[in-house]
């Protein structure tokens, strides 16, 4: 597996990778708000690609996005925001 660091057109690159996914997609992200990416994840599910998402249980993500993906077959786990970011202890 190759690792690539991307600083420009990140949404475009993510969508390109989702379009060619054949067996599974694992997503770990604090917030999933891009309608284009969400639509492409839905397209993956329609192609019977296994989709697993770990994200933050936060109103920014919106219930509708995750509900629709869940109903489409995505395996979703929502965590406390403290588990998705490095935080400095007081």
Protein backbone atom coordinates (compact mmCIF):
# COMPACT_ATOMS: atom_id res chain seq x y z
CA UNK A 1 0.00 0.00 0.00
CA UNK A 2 1.38 3.39 -0.98
CA UNK A 3 1.00 6.44 1.19
CA UNK A 4 0.38 9.82 -0.41
CA UNK A 5 0.21 13.21 1.29
CA UNK A 6 -2.36 15.51 -0.31
CA UNK A 7 -2.76 19.22 0.35
CA UNK A 8 -4.82 20.38 -2.65
CA UNK A 9 -8.14 19.18 -4.03
CA UNK A 10 -8.59 16.76 -1.16
CA UNK A 11 -12.32 16.28 -1.79
CA UNK A 12 -11.62 15.43 -5.44
CA UNK A 13 -8.97 12.86 -4.48
CA UNK A 14 -11.25 11.21 -1.91
CA UNK A 15 -14.04 10.93 -4.49
CA UNK A 16 -11.63 9.47 -7.06
CA UNK A 17 -10.64 6.77 -4.56
CA UNK A 18 -14.25 6.04 -3.59
CA UNK A 19 -15.20 5.62 -7.27
CA UNK A 20 -12.67 2.81 -7.74
CA UNK A 21 -13.29 1.00 -4.44
CA UNK A 22 -14.12 -2.64 -5.13
CA UNK A 23 -14.38 -4.47 -1.83
CA UNK A 24 -14.27 -2.17 1.21
CA UNK A 25 -13.80 1.40 2.38
CA UNK A 26 -12.74 2.33 5.92
CA UNK A 27 -13.31 5.94 6.94
CA UNK A 28 -12.08 7.58 10.15
CA UNK A 29 -12.94 11.26 10.20
CA UNK A 30 -14.07 13.75 12.80
CA UNK A 31 -16.70 15.34 10.56
CA UNK A 32 -18.28 14.09 7.36
CA UNK A 33 -20.12 17.02 5.81
CA UNK A 34 -19.31 17.04 2.08
CA UNK A 35 -22.47 16.22 0.10
CA UNK A 36 -20.32 15.01 -2.82
CA UNK A 37 -18.37 12.58 -0.64
CA UNK A 38 -21.55 11.38 1.08
CA UNK A 39 -23.17 10.71 -2.32
CA UNK A 40 -20.12 8.77 -3.45
CA UNK A 41 -20.15 6.69 -0.26
CA UNK A 42 -23.78 5.91 -1.09
CA UNK A 43 -22.69 4.84 -4.59
CA UNK A 44 -20.15 2.50 -2.99
CA UNK A 45 -22.91 0.91 -0.94
CA UNK A 46 -25.03 0.41 -4.06
CA UNK A 47 -22.06 -1.41 -5.64
CA UNK A 48 -21.99 -3.69 -2.57
CA UNK A 49 -18.71 -2.22 -1.31
CA UNK A 50 -18.41 -2.70 2.46
CA UNK A 51 -18.27 0.73 4.12
CA UNK A 52 -17.15 1.20 7.73
CA UNK A 53 -17.16 4.69 9.26
CA UNK A 54 -15.81 5.91 12.59
CA UNK A 55 -16.67 9.51 13.35
CA UNK A 56 -17.62 11.94 16.09
CA UNK A 57 -21.06 11.92 17.68
CA UNK A 58 -21.55 15.62 16.99
CA UNK A 59 -24.34 17.78 15.59
CA UNK A 60 -21.96 18.98 12.86
CA UNK A 61 -22.20 15.55 11.23
CA UNK A 62 -25.98 15.71 11.12
CA UNK A 63 -28.21 12.75 11.82
CA UNK A 64 -29.56 12.58 8.27
CA UNK A 65 -26.17 11.89 6.66
CA UNK A 66 -25.37 8.97 8.92
CA UNK A 67 -28.94 7.67 9.01
CA UNK A 68 -29.10 7.42 5.22
CA UNK A 69 -25.69 5.76 5.00
CA UNK A 70 -26.63 3.36 7.80
CA UNK A 71 -29.86 2.42 6.05
CA UNK A 72 -27.81 1.87 2.90
CA UNK A 73 -25.69 -0.70 4.74
CA UNK A 74 -22.75 1.28 6.14
CA UNK A 75 -21.37 0.13 9.47
CA UNK A 76 -21.10 3.30 11.56
CA UNK A 77 -19.58 3.92 14.97
CA UNK A 78 -19.84 7.36 16.55
CA UNK A 79 -17.38 8.24 19.29
CA UNK A 80 -16.75 11.02 21.74
CA UNK A 81 -14.85 13.89 20.12
CA UNK A 82 -12.03 13.35 22.61
CA UNK A 83 -11.27 10.03 20.91
CA UNK A 84 -10.91 11.55 17.44
CA UNK A 85 -8.42 14.31 18.20
CA UNK A 86 -5.30 14.64 20.24
CA UNK A 87 -6.09 16.90 23.17
CA UNK A 88 -3.86 18.33 25.81
CA UNK A 89 -4.87 17.30 29.28
CA UNK A 90 -5.39 20.16 31.75
